[in-house]
PDB file of N, CA and C in Angstrom:
ATOM      1  N   MET A   1       9.364   4.955   2.089  1.00  0.00           N
ATOM      2  CA  MET A   1       8.933   3.854   2.856  1.00  0.00           C
ATOM      3  C   MET A   1       9.605   2.553   2.519  1.00  0.00           C
ATOM      4  N   ILE A   2       9.715   2.301   1.201  1.00  0.00           N
ATOM      5  CA  ILE A   2      10.276   1.026   0.711  1.00  0.00           C
ATOM      6  C   ILE A   2      11.834   1.050   1.026  1.00  0.00           C
ATOM      7  N   VAL A   3      12.459   2.124   0.722  1.00  0.00           N
ATOM      8  CA  VAL A   3      13.842   2.217   0.967  1.00  0.00           C
ATOM      9  C   VAL A   3      14.229   2.016   2.566  1.00  0.00           C
ATOM     10  N   HIS A   4      13.508   2.625   3.351  1.00  0.00           N
ATOM     11  CA  HIS A   4      13.588   2.719   4.751  1.00  0.00           C
ATOM     12  C   HIS A   4      13.478   1.202   5.367  1.00  0.00           C
ATOM     13  N   LEU A   5      12.324   0.604   4.763  1.00  0.00           N
ATOM     14  CA  LEU A   5      12.195  -0.772   5.305  1.00  0.00           C
ATOM     15  C   LEU A   5      13.231  -1.858   4.826  1.00  0.00           C
ATOM     16  N   ALA A   6      13.674  -1.585   3.592  1.00  0.00           N
ATOM     17  CA  ALA A   6      14.673  -2.413   3.063  1.00  0.00           C
ATOM     18  C   ALA A   6      16.093  -2.281   3.961  1.00  0.00           C
ATOM     19  N   LYS A   7      16.507  -1.060   4.350  1.00  0.00           N
ATOM     20  CA  LYS A   7      17.618  -0.793   5.069  1.00  0.00           C
ATOM     21  C   LYS A   7      17.381  -1.365   6.472  1.00  0.00           C
ATOM     22  N   ARG A   8      16.233  -1.355   7.081  1.00  0.00           N
ATOM     23  CA  ARG A   8      15.993  -1.805   8.361  1.00  0.00           C
ATOM     24  C   ARG A   8      16.087  -3.280   8.374  1.00  0.00           C
ATOM     25  N   HIS A   9      15.911  -4.035   7.386  1.00  0.00           N
ATOM     26  CA  HIS A   9      15.849  -5.426   7.299  1.00  0.00           C
ATOM     27  C   HIS A   9      17.180  -5.900   6.617  1.00  0.00           C
ATOM     28  N   LYS A  10      18.038  -5.028   6.270  1.00  0.00           N
ATOM     29  CA  LYS A  10      19.378  -5.367   5.629  1.00  0.00           C
ATOM     30  C   LYS A  10      19.046  -5.895   4.249  1.00  0.00           C
ATOM     31  N   PHE A  11      18.190  -5.456   3.584  1.00  0.00           N
ATOM     32  CA  PHE A  11      17.738  -6.035   2.219  1.00  0.00           C
ATOM     33  C   PHE A  11      18.451  -5.073   1.123  1.00  0.00           C
ATOM     34  N   ASN A  12      19.210  -5.559   0.218  1.00  0.00           N
ATOM     35  CA  ASN A  12      19.893  -4.860  -0.813  1.00  0.00           C
ATOM     36  C   ASN A  12      18.867  -4.629  -1.964  1.00  0.00           C
ATOM     37  N   LEU A  13      18.799  -3.317  -2.206  1.00  0.00           N
ATOM     38  CA  LEU A  13      17.958  -2.849  -3.251  1.00  0.00           C
ATOM     39  C   LEU A  13      18.683  -2.155  -4.334  1.00  0.00           C
ATOM     40  N   SER A  14      18.481  -2.356  -5.568  1.00  0.00           N
ATOM     41  CA  SER A  14      19.181  -1.619  -6.548  1.00  0.00           C
ATOM     42  C   SER A  14      18.088  -0.469  -7.009  1.00  0.00           C
ATOM     43  N   LEU A  15      18.454   0.465  -7.695  1.00  0.00           N
ATOM     44  CA  LEU A  15      17.667   1.625  -8.085  1.00  0.00           C
ATOM     45  C   LEU A  15      16.388   1.036  -9.052  1.00  0.00           C
ATOM     46  N   LYS A  16      16.636   0.012  -9.895  1.00  0.00           N
ATOM     47  CA  LYS A  16      15.694  -0.582 -10.678  1.00  0.00           C
ATOM     48  C   LYS A  16      14.667  -1.315  -9.788  1.00  0.00           C
ATOM     49  N   ALA A  17      15.222  -2.054  -8.697  1.00  0.00           N
ATOM     50  CA  ALA A  17      14.264  -2.746  -7.934  1.00  0.00           C
ATOM     51  C   ALA A  17      13.445  -1.750  -7.045  1.00  0.00           C
ATOM     52  N   VAL A  18      13.952  -0.761  -6.670  1.00  0.00           N
ATOM     53  CA  VAL A  18      13.125   0.302  -5.916  1.00  0.00           C
ATOM     54  C   VAL A  18      12.021   0.944  -6.754  1.00  0.00           C
ATOM     55  N   GLY A  19      12.343   1.126  -8.104  1.00  0.00           N
ATOM     56  CA  GLY A  19      11.392   1.671  -9.018  1.00  0.00           C
ATOM     57  C   GLY A  19      10.316   0.666  -9.283  1.00  0.00           C
ATOM     58  N   PHE A  20      10.635  -0.669  -9.584  1.00  0.00           N
ATOM     59  CA  PHE A  20       9.792  -1.709  -9.798  1.00  0.00           C
ATOM     60  C   PHE A  20       8.916  -1.952  -8.667  1.00  0.00           C
ATOM     61  N   THR A  21       9.342  -1.984  -7.506  1.00  0.00           N
ATOM     62  CA  THR A  21       8.619  -2.254  -6.214  1.00  0.00           C
ATOM     63  C   THR A  21       7.588  -1.158  -5.963  1.00  0.00           C
ATOM     64  N   ALA A  22       8.089   0.046  -6.102  1.00  0.00           N
ATOM     65  CA  ALA A  22       7.247   1.225  -5.800  1.00  0.00           C
ATOM     66  C   ALA A  22       6.127   1.306  -6.858  1.00  0.00           C
ATOM     67  N   THR A  23       6.495   1.168  -8.122  1.00  0.00           N
ATOM     68  CA  THR A  23       5.452   1.166  -9.161  1.00  0.00           C
ATOM     69  C   THR A  23       4.323   0.120  -9.033  1.00  0.00           C
ATOM     70  N   THR A  24       4.787  -1.090  -8.627  1.00  0.00           N
ATOM     71  CA  THR A  24       3.871  -2.214  -8.400  1.00  0.00           C
ATOM     72  C   THR A  24       2.948  -1.974  -7.149  1.00  0.00           C
ATOM     73  N   ILE A  25       3.557  -1.482  -6.156  1.00  0.00           N
ATOM     74  CA  ILE A  25       2.745  -1.223  -4.921  1.00  0.00           C
ATOM     75  C   ILE A  25       1.681  -0.176  -5.239  1.00  0.00           C
ATOM     76  N   TRP A  26       2.201   0.992  -5.907  1.00  0.00           N
ATOM     77  CA  TRP A  26       1.285   1.999  -6.170  1.00  0.00           C
ATOM     78  C   TRP A  26       0.134   1.539  -7.073  1.00  0.00           C
ATOM     79  N   GLY A  27       0.349   0.849  -8.068  1.00  0.00           N
ATOM     80  CA  GLY A  27      -0.584   0.371  -9.049  1.00  0.00           C
ATOM     81  C   GLY A  27      -1.620  -0.440  -8.460  1.00  0.00           C
ATOM     82  N   ILE A  28      -1.186  -1.474  -7.726  1.00  0.00           N
ATOM     83  CA  ILE A  28      -2.055  -2.387  -7.006  1.00  0.00           C
ATOM     84  C   ILE A  28      -2.933  -1.641  -5.964  1.00  0.00           C
ATOM     85  N   SER A  29      -2.261  -0.968  -5.186  1.00  0.00           N
ATOM     86  CA  SER A  29      -3.075  -0.172  -4.044  1.00  0.00           C
ATOM     87  C   SER A  29      -4.070   0.877  -4.756  1.00  0.00           C
ATOM     88  N   THR A  30      -3.681   1.461  -5.741  1.00  0.00           N
ATOM     89  CA  THR A  30      -4.546   2.498  -6.318  1.00  0.00           C
ATOM     90  C   THR A  30      -5.729   1.788  -6.853  1.00  0.00           C
ATOM     91  N   MET A  31      -5.532   0.660  -7.575  1.00  0.00           N
ATOM     92  CA  MET A  31      -6.637  -0.026  -8.232  1.00  0.00           C
ATOM     93  C   MET A  31      -7.690  -0.499  -7.065  1.00  0.00           C
ATOM     94  N   LEU A  32      -7.049  -1.177  -6.108  1.00  0.00           N
ATOM     95  CA  LEU A  32      -7.898  -1.803  -5.031  1.00  0.00           C
ATOM     96  C   LEU A  32      -8.590  -0.743  -4.193  1.00  0.00           C
ATOM     97  N   LYS A  33      -7.922   0.387  -3.801  1.00  0.00           N
ATOM     98  CA  LYS A  33      -8.517   1.400  -3.040  1.00  0.00           C
ATOM     99  C   LYS A  33      -9.596   2.147  -3.776  1.00  0.00           C
ATOM    100  N   ASP A  34      -9.300   2.452  -5.047  1.00  0.00           N
ATOM    101  CA  ASP A  34     -10.279   3.135  -5.751  1.00  0.00           C
ATOM    102  C   ASP A  34     -11.508   2.396  -6.042  1.00  0.00           C
ATOM    103  N   THR A  35     -11.454   1.101  -6.301  1.00  0.00           N
ATOM    104  CA  THR A  35     -12.584   0.188  -6.459  1.00  0.00           C
ATOM    105  C   THR A  35     -13.363   0.144  -5.248  1.00  0.00           C
ATOM    106  N   THR A  36     -12.777   0.044  -4.136  1.00  0.00           N
ATOM    107  CA  THR A  36     -13.481  -0.202  -2.841  1.00  0.00           C
ATOM    108  C   THR A  36     -14.236   1.095  -2.525  1.00  0.00           C
ATOM    109  N   ILE A  37     -13.567   2.228  -2.635  1.00  0.00           N
ATOM    110  CA  ILE A  37     -14.175   3.563  -2.255  1.00  0.00           C
ATOM    111  C   ILE A  37     -15.271   3.837  -3.163  1.00  0.00           C
ATOM    112  N   GLU A  38     -15.097   3.480  -4.510  1.00  0.00           N
ATOM    113  CA  GLU A  38     -16.268   3.775  -5.493  1.00  0.00           C
ATOM    114  C   GLU A  38     -17.478   2.865  -5.108  1.00  0.00           C
ATOM    115  N   LEU A  39     -17.280   1.675  -4.607  1.00  0.00           N
ATOM    116  CA  LEU A  39     -18.323   0.720  -4.329  1.00  0.00           C
ATOM    117  C   LEU A  39     -19.058   1.187  -3.063  1.00  0.00           C
ATOM    118  N   LEU A  40     -18.249   1.866  -2.185  1.00  0.00           N
ATOM    119  CA  LEU A  40     -18.830   2.271  -0.843  1.00  0.00           C
ATOM    120  C   LEU A  40     -19.685   3.577  -1.131  1.00  0.00           C
ATOM    121  N   LYS A  41     -19.245   4.321  -2.078  1.00  0.00           N
ATOM    122  CA  LYS A  41     -19.921   5.629  -2.286  1.00  0.00           C
ATOM    123  C   LYS A  41     -21.299   5.547  -2.899  1.00  0.00           C
ATOM    124  N   PHE A  42     -21.814   4.374  -3.270  1.00  0.00           N
ATOM    125  CA  PHE A  42     -23.152   4.196  -3.601  1.00  0.00           C
ATOM    126  C   PHE A  42     -24.023   4.495  -2.567  1.00  0.00           C
ATOM    127  N   VAL A  43     -23.684   4.346  -1.299  1.00  0.00           N
ATOM    128  CA  VAL A  43     -24.488   4.814  -0.158  1.00  0.00           C
ATOM    129  C   VAL A  43     -24.070   6.185   0.100  1.00  0.00           C
ATOM    130  N   PRO A  44     -24.794   7.319  -0.021  1.00  0.00           N
ATOM    131  CA  PRO A  44     -24.443   8.740   0.015  1.00  0.00           C
ATOM    132  C   PRO A  44     -23.652   9.068   1.277  1.00  0.00           C
ATOM    133  N   GLY A  45     -24.342   9.050   2.465  1.00  0.00           N
ATOM    134  CA  GLY A  45     -23.729   9.607   3.719  1.00  0.00           C
ATOM    135  C   GLY A  45     -22.715   8.816   4.311  1.00  0.00           C
ATOM    136  N   PRO A  46     -23.077   7.615   4.749  1.00  0.00           N
ATOM    137  CA  PRO A  46     -22.067   6.623   5.348  1.00  0.00           C
ATOM    138  C   PRO A  46     -21.059   6.120   4.283  1.00  0.00           C
ATOM    139  N   GLY A  47     -21.303   6.161   3.120  1.00  0.00           N
ATOM    140  CA  GLY A  47     -20.400   5.779   2.091  1.00  0.00           C
ATOM    141  C   GLY A  47     -19.093   6.598   2.100  1.00  0.00           C
ATOM    142  N   TRP A  48     -19.311   7.953   2.248  1.00  0.00           N
ATOM    143  CA  TRP A  48     -18.273   8.982   2.181  1.00  0.00           C
ATOM    144  C   TRP A  48     -17.380   8.673   3.399  1.00  0.00           C
ATOM    145  N   LEU A  49     -18.035   8.465   4.541  1.00  0.00           N
ATOM    146  CA  LEU A  49     -17.225   8.227   5.759  1.00  0.00           C
ATOM    147  C   LEU A  49     -16.452   7.052   5.722  1.00  0.00           C
ATOM    148  N   ALA A  50     -17.053   5.879   5.232  1.00  0.00           N
ATOM    149  CA  ALA A  50     -16.431   4.688   4.887  1.00  0.00           C
ATOM    150  C   ALA A  50     -15.183   4.819   4.016  1.00  0.00           C
ATOM    151  N   GLY A  51     -15.414   5.547   2.935  1.00  0.00           N
ATOM    152  CA  GLY A  51     -14.299   5.740   1.942  1.00  0.00           C
ATOM    153  C   GLY A  51     -13.133   6.432   2.558  1.00  0.00           C
ATOM    154  N   VAL A  52     -13.281   7.283   3.534  1.00  0.00           N
ATOM    155  CA  VAL A  52     -12.159   7.965   4.170  1.00  0.00           C
ATOM    156  C   VAL A  52     -11.383   6.864   4.949  1.00  0.00           C
ATOM    157  N   ILE A  53     -12.242   6.095   5.794  1.00  0.00           N
ATOM    158  CA  ILE A  53     -11.617   5.057   6.719  1.00  0.00           C
ATOM    159  C   ILE A  53     -10.906   4.047   5.863  1.00  0.00           C
ATOM    160  N   VAL A  54     -11.449   3.622   4.712  1.00  0.00           N
ATOM    161  CA  VAL A  54     -10.799   2.638   3.728  1.00  0.00           C
ATOM    162  C   VAL A  54      -9.429   3.200   3.390  1.00  0.00           C
ATOM    163  N   ALA A  55      -9.384   4.532   2.929  1.00  0.00           N
ATOM    164  CA  ALA A  55      -8.294   5.125   2.487  1.00  0.00           C
ATOM    165  C   ALA A  55      -7.126   5.030   3.430  1.00  0.00           C
ATOM    166  N   VAL A  56      -7.445   5.302   4.691  1.00  0.00           N
ATOM    167  CA  VAL A  56      -6.485   5.446   5.892  1.00  0.00           C
ATOM    168  C   VAL A  56      -6.024   3.906   6.099  1.00  0.00           C
ATOM    169  N   VAL A  57      -6.896   2.984   6.158  1.00  0.00           N
ATOM    170  CA  VAL A  57      -6.560   1.654   6.362  1.00  0.00           C
ATOM    171  C   VAL A  57      -5.696   0.929   5.305  1.00  0.00           C
ATOM    172  N   PHE A  58      -5.978   1.395   4.117  1.00  0.00           N
ATOM    173  CA  PHE A  58      -5.254   0.896   3.087  1.00  0.00           C
ATOM    174  C   PHE A  58      -3.633   1.329   3.151  1.00  0.00           C
ATOM    175  N   VAL A  59      -3.461   2.466   3.407  1.00  0.00           N
ATOM    176  CA  VAL A  59      -2.036   2.983   3.626  1.00  0.00           C
ATOM    177  C   VAL A  59      -1.418   2.254   4.738  1.00  0.00           C
ATOM    178  N   PHE A  60      -2.074   2.009   5.824  1.00  0.00           N
ATOM    179  CA  PHE A  60      -1.529   1.281   6.842  1.00  0.00           C
ATOM    180  C   PHE A  60      -1.327  -0.268   6.467  1.00  0.00           C
ATOM    181  N   PHE A  61      -2.174  -0.791   5.906  1.00  0.00           N
ATOM    182  CA  PHE A  61      -2.048  -2.227   5.340  1.00  0.00           C
ATOM    183  C   PHE A  61      -0.902  -2.402   4.461  1.00  0.00           C
ATOM    184  N   LEU A  62      -0.652  -1.422   3.431  1.00  0.00           N
ATOM    185  CA  LEU A  62       0.344  -1.592   2.604  1.00  0.00           C
ATOM    186  C   LEU A  62       1.672  -1.497   3.225  1.00  0.00           C
ATOM    187  N   GLY A  63       1.820  -0.602   4.272  1.00  0.00           N
ATOM    188  CA  GLY A  63       2.990  -0.646   5.031  1.00  0.00           C
ATOM    189  C   GLY A  63       3.353  -1.839   5.703  1.00  0.00           C
ATOM    190  N   LEU A  64       2.384  -2.570   6.219  1.00  0.00           N
ATOM    191  CA  LEU A  64       2.404  -3.868   6.869  1.00  0.00           C
ATOM    192  C   LEU A  64       2.897  -4.827   5.806  1.00  0.00           C
ATOM    193  N   LEU A  65       2.276  -4.915   4.616  1.00  0.00           N
ATOM    194  CA  LEU A  65       2.735  -5.872   3.755  1.00  0.00           C
ATOM    195  C   LEU A  65       4.168  -5.651   3.137  1.00  0.00           C
ATOM    196  N   ALA A  66       4.469  -4.431   2.997  1.00  0.00           N
ATOM    197  CA  ALA A  66       5.964  -4.163   2.582  1.00  0.00           C
ATOM    198  C   ALA A  66       6.959  -4.654   3.607  1.00  0.00           C
ATOM    199  N   ASN A  67       6.553  -4.366   4.951  1.00  0.00           N
ATOM    200  CA  ASN A  67       7.319  -4.814   6.069  1.00  0.00           C
ATOM    201  C   ASN A  67       7.499  -6.332   6.029  1.00  0.00           C
ATOM    202  N   LEU A  68       6.409  -7.071   5.893  1.00  0.00           N
ATOM    203  CA  LEU A  68       6.437  -8.528   5.670  1.00  0.00           C
ATOM    204  C   LEU A  68       7.272  -9.014   4.709  1.00  0.00           C
ATOM    205  N   TYR A  69       7.141  -8.295   3.404  1.00  0.00           N
ATOM    206  CA  TYR A  69       7.951  -8.687   2.372  1.00  0.00           C
ATOM    207  C   TYR A  69       9.457  -8.729   2.617  1.00  0.00           C
ATOM    208  N   PHE A  70       9.901  -7.610   3.273  1.00  0.00           N
ATOM    209  CA  PHE A  70      11.382  -7.445   3.388  1.00  0.00           C
ATOM    210  C   PHE A  70      11.804  -8.303   4.647  1.00  0.00           C
ATOM    211  N   ARG A  71      10.951  -8.507   5.518  1.00  0.00           N
ATOM    212  CA  ARG A  71      11.319  -9.429   6.610  1.00  0.00           C
ATOM    213  C   ARG A  71      11.557 -10.821   6.188  1.00  0.00           C
ATOM    214  N   LYS A  72      10.818 -11.326   5.184  1.00  0.00           N
ATOM    215  CA  LYS A  72      10.900 -12.678   4.743  1.00  0.00           C
ATOM    216  C   LYS A  72      12.295 -13.012   4.161  1.00  0.00           C
ATOM    217  N   GLU A  73      13.022 -12.069   3.661  1.00  0.00           N
ATOM    218  CA  GLU A  73      14.302 -12.293   3.044  1.00  0.00           C
ATOM    219  C   GLU A  73      15.314 -12.470   4.085  1.00  0.00           C
ATOM    220  N   GLU A  74      15.161 -12.229   5.336  1.00  0.00           N
ATOM    221  CA  GLU A  74      16.148 -12.299   6.281  1.00  0.00           C
ATOM    222  C   GLU A  74      16.668 -13.639   6.524  1.00  0.00           C
TER     223      GLU A  74
END
């Protein structure tokens, strides 16, 4: 996704920049998503459903953030 968005916005990425960006996005998203899902799971039934919804929304949100980041450089 990162490489595709960078090419779409004509953003030059080195291999080191791709690795750093991917690692940063993965780390932040994992921490925030896992924390949110664990807090929601305190409520047994609806918490599980909310956890699934949060996971899907997080992936969509991270795609939007990455798109905004690369668009900013144009």
